[in-house]
C-alpha atoms as a PDB file:
ATOM      1  CA  UNK A   1      13.624 -16.061  17.913  1.00  0.00           C
ATOM      2  CA  UNK A   2      13.129 -14.425  14.523  1.00  0.00           C
ATOM      3  CA  UNK A   3      15.684 -11.801  13.596  1.00  0.00           C
ATOM      4  CA  UNK A   4      14.904  -8.972  11.172  1.00  0.00           C
ATOM      5  CA  UNK A   5      18.486  -8.325  10.172  1.00  0.00           C
ATOM      6  CA  UNK A   6      21.782 -10.164  10.327  1.00  0.00           C
ATOM      7  CA  UNK A   7      25.440  -9.265  10.014  1.00  0.00           C
ATOM      8  CA  UNK A   8      25.676 -11.170   6.756  1.00  0.00           C
ATOM      9  CA  UNK A   9      25.657  -8.018   4.639  1.00  0.00           C
ATOM     10  CA  UNK A  10      28.899  -6.731   6.132  1.00  0.00           C
ATOM     11  CA  UNK A  11      30.495 -10.196   6.026  1.00  0.00           C
ATOM     12  CA  UNK A  12      29.739 -11.153   2.426  1.00  0.00           C
ATOM     13  CA  UNK A  13      33.011 -11.834   0.570  1.00  0.00           C
ATOM     14  CA  UNK A  14      32.079  -9.615  -2.367  1.00  0.00           C
ATOM     15  CA  UNK A  15      33.787  -6.312  -1.467  1.00  0.00           C
ATOM     16  CA  UNK A  16      35.146  -4.694  -4.641  1.00  0.00           C
ATOM     17  CA  UNK A  17      33.938  -7.625  -6.773  1.00  0.00           C
ATOM     18  CA  UNK A  18      32.333  -5.213  -9.217  1.00  0.00           C
ATOM     19  CA  UNK A  19      34.837  -2.348  -8.975  1.00  0.00           C
ATOM     20  CA  UNK A  20      35.285  -0.367 -12.184  1.00  0.00           C
ATOM     21  CA  UNK A  21      32.326  -2.083 -13.850  1.00  0.00           C
ATOM     22  CA  UNK A  22      29.582   0.078 -15.343  1.00  0.00           C
ATOM     23  CA  UNK A  23      26.992  -2.690 -15.267  1.00  0.00           C
ATOM     24  CA  UNK A  24      26.578  -6.255 -14.064  1.00  0.00           C
ATOM     25  CA  UNK A  25      24.051  -8.953 -14.901  1.00  0.00           C
ATOM     26  CA  UNK A  26      22.647 -11.175 -12.157  1.00  0.00           C
ATOM     27  CA  UNK A  27      20.730 -14.288 -13.177  1.00  0.00           C
ATOM     28  CA  UNK A  28      18.463 -16.040 -10.708  1.00  0.00           C
ATOM     29  CA  UNK A  29      15.139 -17.852 -10.847  1.00  0.00           C
ATOM     30  CA  UNK A  30      15.020 -17.763 -14.633  1.00  0.00           C
ATOM     31  CA  UNK A  31      15.409 -13.977 -14.827  1.00  0.00           C
ATOM     32  CA  UNK A  32      18.414 -11.804 -15.630  1.00  0.00           C
ATOM     33  CA  UNK A  33      18.608  -8.428 -13.914  1.00  0.00           C
ATOM     34  CA  UNK A  34      20.913  -5.645 -15.052  1.00  0.00           C
ATOM     35  CA  UNK A  35      22.655  -4.080 -12.051  1.00  0.00           C
ATOM     36  CA  UNK A  36      23.539  -0.496 -12.929  1.00  0.00           C
ATOM     37  CA  UNK A  37      26.322   1.255 -11.030  1.00  0.00           C
ATOM     38  CA  UNK A  38      27.106  -1.784  -8.860  1.00  0.00           C
ATOM     39  CA  UNK A  39      30.033   0.132  -7.364  1.00  0.00           C
ATOM     40  CA  UNK A  40      27.742   2.812  -5.892  1.00  0.00           C
ATOM     41  CA  UNK A  41      28.361   3.129  -2.156  1.00  0.00           C
ATOM     42  CA  UNK A  42      25.055   2.922  -0.282  1.00  0.00           C
ATOM     43  CA  UNK A  43      26.510   2.844   3.251  1.00  0.00           C
ATOM     44  CA  UNK A  44      29.335   5.415   3.433  1.00  0.00           C
ATOM     45  CA  UNK A  45      30.612   4.489   6.912  1.00  0.00           C
ATOM     46  CA  UNK A  46      31.244   0.857   5.948  1.00  0.00           C
ATOM     47  CA  UNK A  47      31.713   1.262   2.197  1.00  0.00           C
ATOM     48  CA  UNK A  48      28.983  -1.296   1.435  1.00  0.00           C
ATOM     49  CA  UNK A  49      27.974  -1.033  -2.215  1.00  0.00           C
ATOM     50  CA  UNK A  50      24.866  -1.651  -4.256  1.00  0.00           C
ATOM     51  CA  UNK A  51      26.464  -4.862  -5.550  1.00  0.00           C
ATOM     52  CA  UNK A  52      26.808  -6.130  -1.995  1.00  0.00           C
ATOM     53  CA  UNK A  53      23.195  -5.246  -1.198  1.00  0.00           C
ATOM     54  CA  UNK A  54      22.136  -7.213  -4.281  1.00  0.00           C
ATOM     55  CA  UNK A  55      24.249 -10.201  -3.240  1.00  0.00           C
ATOM     56  CA  UNK A  56      22.859 -10.095   0.293  1.00  0.00           C
ATOM     57  CA  UNK A  57      19.252 -10.219  -0.864  1.00  0.00           C
ATOM     58  CA  UNK A  58      20.041 -12.958  -3.379  1.00  0.00           C
ATOM     59  CA  UNK A  59      21.748 -15.084  -0.710  1.00  0.00           C
ATOM     60  CA  UNK A  60      19.167 -14.468   2.028  1.00  0.00           C
ATOM     61  CA  UNK A  61      16.180 -15.099  -0.274  1.00  0.00           C
ATOM     62  CA  UNK A  62      15.594 -18.764   0.708  1.00  0.00           C
ATOM     63  CA  UNK A  63      15.273 -17.695   4.351  1.00  0.00           C
ATOM     64  CA  UNK A  64      13.501 -14.378   3.809  1.00  0.00           C
ATOM     65  CA  UNK A  65      10.927 -15.339   1.159  1.00  0.00           C
ATOM     66  CA  UNK A  66       8.756 -17.456   3.519  1.00  0.00           C
ATOM     67  CA  UNK A  67       8.249 -14.271   5.575  1.00  0.00           C
ATOM     68  CA  UNK A  68       7.557 -12.140   2.488  1.00  0.00           C
ATOM     69  CA  UNK A  69       5.585 -14.393   0.140  1.00  0.00           C
ATOM     70  CA  UNK A  70       2.133 -13.183  -0.862  1.00  0.00           C
ATOM     71  CA  UNK A  71       2.439 -10.009   1.218  1.00  0.00           C
ATOM     72  CA  UNK A  72       2.111  -6.495  -0.243  1.00  0.00           C
ATOM     73  CA  UNK A  73       5.325  -4.548   0.309  1.00  0.00           C
ATOM     74  CA  UNK A  74       6.305  -0.914   0.689  1.00  0.00           C
ATOM     75  CA  UNK A  75       9.765  -0.111  -0.664  1.00  0.00           C
ATOM     76  CA  UNK A  76      12.132   2.188   1.241  1.00  0.00           C
ATOM     77  CA  UNK A  77      14.554   3.478  -1.382  1.00  0.00           C
ATOM     78  CA  UNK A  78      17.783   5.510  -1.220  1.00  0.00           C
ATOM     79  CA  UNK A  79      18.964   6.395  -4.748  1.00  0.00           C
ATOM     80  CA  UNK A  80      22.012   8.241  -3.410  1.00  0.00           C
ATOM     81  CA  UNK A  81      22.676   5.899  -0.481  1.00  0.00           C
ATOM     82  CA  UNK A  82      21.646   6.383   3.134  1.00  0.00           C
ATOM     83  CA  UNK A  83      23.546   9.668   3.372  1.00  0.00           C
ATOM     84  CA  UNK A  84      21.106  11.080   0.835  1.00  0.00           C
ATOM     85  CA  UNK A  85      17.360  11.523   0.856  1.00  0.00           C
ATOM     86  CA  UNK A  86      15.270   8.370   1.061  1.00  0.00           C
ATOM     87  CA  UNK A  87      11.591   7.844   0.400  1.00  0.00           C
ATOM     88  CA  UNK A  88       8.837   5.270   0.771  1.00  0.00           C
ATOM     89  CA  UNK A  89       7.455   3.942  -2.505  1.00  0.00           C
ATOM     90  CA  UNK A  90       4.139   2.136  -2.275  1.00  0.00           C
ATOM     91  CA  UNK A  91       3.002   2.056  -5.906  1.00  0.00           C
ATOM     92  CA  UNK A  92       4.656  -0.266  -8.441  1.00  0.00           C
ATOM     93  CA  UNK A  93       6.151   1.948 -11.196  1.00  0.00           C
ATOM     94  CA  UNK A  94       5.121   1.318 -14.801  1.00  0.00           C
ATOM     95  CA  UNK A  95       8.683   0.421 -15.757  1.00  0.00           C
ATOM     96  CA  UNK A  96       8.876  -2.597 -13.427  1.00  0.00           C
ATOM     97  CA  UNK A  97       9.132  -5.804 -15.514  1.00  0.00           C
ATOM     98  CA  UNK A  98       5.919  -7.748 -16.037  1.00  0.00           C
ATOM     99  CA  UNK A  99       7.280 -10.807 -14.226  1.00  0.00           C
ATOM    100  CA  UNK A 100       7.317  -8.859 -10.926  1.00  0.00           C
ATOM    101  CA  UNK A 101       4.277 -10.021  -8.951  1.00  0.00           C
ATOM    102  CA  UNK A 102       1.889  -7.329  -7.725  1.00  0.00           C
ATOM    103  CA  UNK A 103      -1.509  -6.787  -6.178  1.00  0.00           C
ATOM    104  CA  UNK A 104      -4.169  -4.099  -6.620  1.00  0.00           C
ATOM    105  CA  UNK A 105      -5.509  -2.919  -3.255  1.00  0.00           C
ATOM    106  CA  UNK A 106      -8.444  -0.729  -2.382  1.00  0.00           C
ATOM    107  CA  UNK A 107      -7.821   2.773  -1.109  1.00  0.00           C
ATOM    108  CA  UNK A 108      -9.943   5.854  -0.587  1.00  0.00           C
ATOM    109  CA  UNK A 109     -10.963   7.054  -4.028  1.00  0.00           C
ATOM    110  CA  UNK A 110      -9.614   4.118  -6.004  1.00  0.00           C
ATOM    111  CA  UNK A 111      -6.903   1.463  -6.005  1.00  0.00           C
ATOM    112  CA  UNK A 112      -3.159   1.189  -5.508  1.00  0.00           C
ATOM    113  CA  UNK A 113      -0.857  -1.493  -6.925  1.00  0.00           C
ATOM    114  CA  UNK A 114       1.864  -2.822  -4.626  1.00  0.00           C
ATOM    115  CA  UNK A 115       4.722  -5.244  -5.197  1.00  0.00           C
ATOM    116  CA  UNK A 116       4.853  -8.809  -3.845  1.00  0.00           C
ATOM    117  CA  UNK A 117       8.208 -10.579  -3.467  1.00  0.00           C
ATOM    118  CA  UNK A 118       7.725 -14.296  -4.007  1.00  0.00           C
ATOM    119  CA  UNK A 119      11.190 -15.112  -5.347  1.00  0.00           C
ATOM    120  CA  UNK A 120      14.863 -14.204  -5.232  1.00  0.00           C
ATOM    121  CA  UNK A 121      14.718 -12.444  -8.602  1.00  0.00           C
ATOM    122  CA  UNK A 122      12.259  -9.905  -7.216  1.00  0.00           C
ATOM    123  CA  UNK A 123      14.493  -9.203  -4.219  1.00  0.00           C
ATOM    124  CA  UNK A 124      17.476  -8.708  -6.525  1.00  0.00           C
ATOM    125  CA  UNK A 125      15.470  -6.357  -8.752  1.00  0.00           C
ATOM    126  CA  UNK A 126      14.301  -4.299  -5.771  1.00  0.00           C
ATOM    127  CA  UNK A 127      17.900  -4.009  -4.554  1.00  0.00           C
ATOM    128  CA  UNK A 128      18.873  -2.847  -8.041  1.00  0.00           C
ATOM    129  CA  UNK A 129      16.253  -0.129  -7.556  1.00  0.00           C
ATOM    130  CA  UNK A 130      18.141   0.993  -4.419  1.00  0.00           C
ATOM    131  CA  UNK A 131      15.447  -0.467  -2.187  1.00  0.00           C
ATOM    132  CA  UNK A 132      17.260  -1.036   1.089  1.00  0.00           C
ATOM    133  CA  UNK A 133      14.375  -1.847   3.443  1.00  0.00           C
ATOM    134  CA  UNK A 134      11.204  -3.859   2.814  1.00  0.00           C
ATOM    135  CA  UNK A 135       8.087  -3.144   4.854  1.00  0.00           C
ATOM    136  CA  UNK A 136       5.596  -6.019   4.721  1.00  0.00           C
ATOM    137  CA  UNK A 137       1.866  -6.217   5.262  1.00  0.00           C
ATOM    138  CA  UNK A 138       0.527  -8.168   8.250  1.00  0.00           C
ATOM    139  CA  UNK A 139      -1.799 -10.067   5.923  1.00  0.00           C
ATOM    140  CA  UNK A 140      -1.444 -12.152   2.764  1.00  0.00           C
ATOM    141  CA  UNK A 141      -3.022 -11.689  -0.639  1.00  0.00           C
ATOM    142  CA  UNK A 142      -5.660 -14.420  -0.428  1.00  0.00           C
ATOM    143  CA  UNK A 143      -7.230 -12.925   2.754  1.00  0.00           C
ATOM    144  CA  UNK A 144      -6.029  -9.354   2.683  1.00  0.00           C
ATOM    145  CA  UNK A 145      -8.462  -8.138   5.369  1.00  0.00           C
ATOM    146  CA  UNK A 146      -7.495 -10.916   7.793  1.00  0.00           C
ATOM    147  CA  UNK A 147      -4.006 -10.545   9.341  1.00  0.00           C
ATOM    148  CA  UNK A 148      -1.969 -13.661  10.149  1.00  0.00           C
ATOM    149  CA  UNK A 149       0.181 -11.885  12.725  1.00  0.00           C
ATOM    150  CA  UNK A 150      -0.286  -9.387  15.516  1.00  0.00           C
ATOM    151  CA  UNK A 151       2.649  -7.081  16.255  1.00  0.00           C
ATOM    152  CA  UNK A 152       3.410  -4.964  19.294  1.00  0.00           C
ATOM    153  CA  UNK A 153       6.318  -2.657  18.489  1.00  0.00           C
ATOM    154  CA  UNK A 154       8.436  -1.905  21.560  1.00  0.00           C
ATOM    155  CA  UNK A 155      10.009   1.499  20.981  1.00  0.00           C
ATOM    156  CA  UNK A 156      12.467   2.838  23.604  1.00  0.00           C
ATOM    157  CA  UNK A 157      12.438   6.498  24.562  1.00  0.00           C
ATOM    158  CA  UNK A 158      16.146   6.312  25.458  1.00  0.00           C
ATOM    159  CA  UNK A 159      19.093   4.248  24.282  1.00  0.00           C
ATOM    160  CA  UNK A 160      18.485   1.626  26.978  1.00  0.00           C
ATOM    161  CA  UNK A 161      17.979  -1.631  25.077  1.00  0.00           C
ATOM    162  CA  UNK A 162      17.740  -3.454  28.388  1.00  0.00           C
ATOM    163  CA  UNK A 163      14.438  -1.664  28.989  1.00  0.00           C
ATOM    164  CA  UNK A 164      13.158  -3.038  25.675  1.00  0.00           C
ATOM    165  CA  UNK A 165      14.252  -6.552  26.602  1.00  0.00           C
ATOM    166  CA  UNK A 166      12.513  -6.245  29.963  1.00  0.00           C
ATOM    167  CA  UNK A 167       9.319  -5.051  28.293  1.00  0.00           C
ATOM    168  CA  UNK A 168       9.451  -7.954  25.849  1.00  0.00           C
ATOM    169  CA  UNK A 169       9.769 -10.496  28.671  1.00  0.00           C
ATOM    170  CA  UNK A 170       6.853  -8.946  30.541  1.00  0.00           C
ATOM    171  CA  UNK A 171       4.694  -8.943  27.411  1.00  0.00           C
ATOM    172  CA  UNK A 172       5.584 -12.565  26.703  1.00  0.00           C
ATOM    173  CA  UNK A 173       4.548 -13.516  30.241  1.00  0.00           C
ATOM    174  CA  UNK A 174       1.121 -11.984  29.643  1.00  0.00           C
ATOM    175  CA  UNK A 175       0.788 -13.722  26.278  1.00  0.00           C
ATOM    176  CA  UNK A 176       1.804 -17.017  27.901  1.00  0.00           C
ATOM    177  CA  UNK A 177      -0.949 -16.513  30.487  1.00  0.00           C
ATOM    178  CA  UNK A 178      -3.378 -16.051  27.592  1.00  0.00           C
ATOM    179  CA  UNK A 179      -1.982 -19.234  25.990  1.00  0.00           C
ATOM    180  CA  UNK A 180      -0.844 -17.317  22.910  1.00  0.00           C
ATOM    181  CA  UNK A 181       2.383 -18.280  21.142  1.00  0.00           C
ATOM    182  CA  UNK A 182       4.720 -15.335  20.615  1.00  0.00           C
ATOM    183  CA  UNK A 183       8.133 -14.587  19.143  1.00  0.00           C
ATOM    184  CA  UNK A 184      10.546 -11.687  19.368  1.00  0.00           C
ATOM    185  CA  UNK A 185      11.802 -10.105  16.167  1.00  0.00           C
ATOM    186  CA  UNK A 186      14.752  -7.719  16.231  1.00  0.00           C
ATOM    187  CA  UNK A 187      13.893  -4.776  14.000  1.00  0.00           C
ATOM    188  CA  UNK A 188      17.399  -3.703  13.068  1.00  0.00           C
ATOM    189  CA  UNK A 189      16.870  -0.365  14.790  1.00  0.00           C
ATOM    190  CA  UNK A 190      16.469   0.456  18.508  1.00  0.00           C
ATOM    191  CA  UNK A 191      13.380  -1.605  19.320  1.00  0.00           C
ATOM    192  CA  UNK A 192      11.773  -5.015  19.080  1.00  0.00           C
ATOM    193  CA  UNK A 193       8.645  -6.494  17.611  1.00  0.00           C
ATOM    194  CA  UNK A 194       6.729  -9.051  19.633  1.00  0.00           C
ATOM    195  CA  UNK A 195       4.881 -11.141  17.070  1.00  0.00           C
ATOM    196  CA  UNK A 196       1.829 -13.327  17.690  1.00  0.00           C
ATOM    197  CA  UNK A 197       0.852 -15.693  14.836  1.00  0.00           C
ATOM    198  CA  UNK A 198      -2.884 -15.621  14.030  1.00  0.00           C
ATOM    199  CA  UNK A 199      -5.211 -18.097  12.344  1.00  0.00           C
ATOM    200  CA  UNK A 200      -6.782 -15.387  10.112  1.00  0.00           C
ATOM    201  CA  UNK A 201     -10.233 -15.821  11.609  1.00  0.00           C
ATOM    202  CA  UNK A 202     -10.544 -12.154  12.591  1.00  0.00           C
ATOM    203  CA  UNK A 203     -10.416  -8.968  10.548  1.00  0.00           C
ATOM    204  CA  UNK A 204      -7.997  -6.123  11.216  1.00  0.00           C
ATOM    205  CA  UNK A 205     -10.572  -4.246  13.291  1.00  0.00           C
ATOM    206  CA  UNK A 206     -10.868  -7.126  15.739  1.00  0.00           C
ATOM    207  CA  UNK A 207      -7.107  -7.674  15.923  1.00  0.00           C
ATOM    208  CA  UNK A 208      -6.466  -3.952  16.398  1.00  0.00           C
ATOM    209  CA  UNK A 209      -8.946  -3.791  19.280  1.00  0.00           C
ATOM    210  CA  UNK A 210      -7.285  -6.770  20.966  1.00  0.00           C
ATOM    211  CA  UNK A 211      -3.787  -5.308  20.471  1.00  0.00           C
ATOM    212  CA  UNK A 212      -4.935  -2.013  21.997  1.00  0.00           C
ATOM    213  CA  UNK A 213      -6.396  -3.816  25.017  1.00  0.00           C
ATOM    214  CA  UNK A 214      -3.222  -5.888  25.364  1.00  0.00           C
ATOM    215  CA  UNK A 215      -1.091  -2.740  25.428  1.00  0.00           C
ATOM    216  CA  UNK A 216      -3.449  -1.054  27.909  1.00  0.00           C
ATOM    217  CA  UNK A 217      -3.226  -4.020  30.298  1.00  0.00           C
ATOM    218  CA  UNK A 218       0.574  -3.911  30.102  1.00  0.00           C
ATOM    219  CA  UNK A 219       0.650  -0.193  30.908  1.00  0.00           C
ATOM    220  CA  UNK A 220      -1.752  -0.717  33.829  1.00  0.00           C
ATOM    221  CA  UNK A 221       0.556  -3.409  35.233  1.00  0.00           C
ATOM    222  CA  UNK A 222       3.809  -1.511  34.668  1.00  0.00           C
ATOM    223  CA  UNK A 223       2.942   2.217  34.606  1.00  0.00           C
ATOM    224  CA  UNK A 224       6.460   3.330  35.516  1.00  0.00           C
ATOM    225  CA  UNK A 225       8.074   1.420  32.666  1.00  0.00           C
ATOM    226  CA  UNK A 226       5.609   1.350  29.775  1.00  0.00           C
ATOM    227  CA  UNK A 227       3.365   3.785  27.931  1.00  0.00           C
ATOM    228  CA  UNK A 228       0.958   4.051  25.015  1.00  0.00           C
ATOM    229  CA  UNK A 229       1.383   7.825  24.826  1.00  0.00           C
ATOM    230  CA  UNK A 230       1.609   8.798  21.153  1.00  0.00           C
ATOM    231  CA  UNK A 231       3.504  12.053  21.749  1.00  0.00           C
ATOM    232  CA  UNK A 232       7.220  11.455  22.244  1.00  0.00           C
ATOM    233  CA  UNK A 233       7.714  14.465  24.499  1.00  0.00           C
ATOM    234  CA  UNK A 234       5.291  12.971  27.027  1.00  0.00           C
ATOM    235  CA  UNK A 235       6.791   9.476  27.256  1.00  0.00           C
ATOM    236  CA  UNK A 236       9.678  10.305  29.539  1.00  0.00           C
ATOM    237  CA  UNK A 237      12.018   7.306  29.732  1.00  0.00           C
ATOM    238  CA  UNK A 238       9.275   4.739  29.242  1.00  0.00           C
ATOM    239  CA  UNK A 239       9.093   2.115  26.503  1.00  0.00           C
ATOM    240  CA  UNK A 240       6.331   2.894  24.014  1.00  0.00           C
ATOM    241  CA  UNK A 241       3.995  -0.009  23.150  1.00  0.00           C
ATOM    242  CA  UNK A 242       2.929   0.712  19.585  1.00  0.00           C
ATOM    243  CA  UNK A 243      -0.156  -1.343  18.682  1.00  0.00           C
ATOM    244  CA  UNK A 244      -1.143   0.818  15.702  1.00  0.00           C
ATOM    245  CA  UNK A 245       0.538  -1.426  13.133  1.00  0.00           C
ATOM    246  CA  UNK A 246      -2.383  -3.824  13.477  1.00  0.00           C
ATOM    247  CA  UNK A 247      -4.475  -1.872  10.990  1.00  0.00           C
ATOM    248  CA  UNK A 248      -5.268  -2.120   7.265  1.00  0.00           C
ATOM    249  CA  UNK A 249      -2.555  -0.647   5.018  1.00  0.00           C
ATOM    250  CA  UNK A 250      -0.027  -0.631   7.886  1.00  0.00           C
ATOM    251  CA  UNK A 251       3.260  -2.519   7.561  1.00  0.00           C
ATOM    252  CA  UNK A 252       6.233  -3.677   9.603  1.00  0.00           C
ATOM    253  CA  UNK A 253       9.894  -4.101   8.721  1.00  0.00           C
ATOM    254  CA  UNK A 254      10.218  -7.527   7.124  1.00  0.00           C
ATOM    255  CA  UNK A 255      12.392 -10.213   8.725  1.00  0.00           C
ATOM    256  CA  UNK A 256      15.950 -10.203   7.326  1.00  0.00           C
ATOM    257  CA  UNK A 257      15.425  -6.813   5.711  1.00  0.00           C
ATOM    258  CA  UNK A 258      18.424  -4.473   5.714  1.00  0.00           C
ATOM    259  CA  UNK A 259      17.927  -1.192   7.599  1.00  0.00           C
ATOM    260  CA  UNK A 260      19.119   2.195   6.411  1.00  0.00           C
ATOM    261  CA  UNK A 261      21.411   2.654   9.401  1.00  0.00           C
END
């Protein structure tokens, strides 16, 4: 199993390490990052600070980077902590240091430059920028139009996580019948991602069509439990099989990424 988040953030022995400090320098991977307002509380209920978020991403980097390397990222930032307003930031700001890796991608009417996290220093810098959650592309830079993973997002309509687990087992059984390797990834929220590694021989259009057919077969087999209905008010208590992530410019929460919860 591949887990998107862990309890390490809450367990790190760094609580109050940076209390009463205006700034803090963190050195890793040959770069030194200034951490401003390390005492800022990002998670009010638990008291977790920006310094602890930085330490989490620095410590988890050896495990997380293999899942992030060479993938364009969208940054989910909360300058005032999760009690305040957050936003998704796709474009790399001009003030980001030059050593931060990035990629220029095509979009309607031009290009957009997105960040790539290939090292611990980048993760630390993004945490310094109050980036709590990383959303990663399903493809890598060298073959950006060819995804290396297919994702079906299992989204519950109620708080019944058992229904999500049941849906995941049923989907895995179908994938096993098709002789496709699959893994479950906890998203850190209410649902699950079922991930199928791909050999990058097909473009997004082909993968999207297959994911849609896969979801349709599942709904046909289990119509009382599963749905592909886009409108939430028409799903009832069914688990929603979201196949739409398998499209260009779409992302999924990266493994080991912290959630704004």
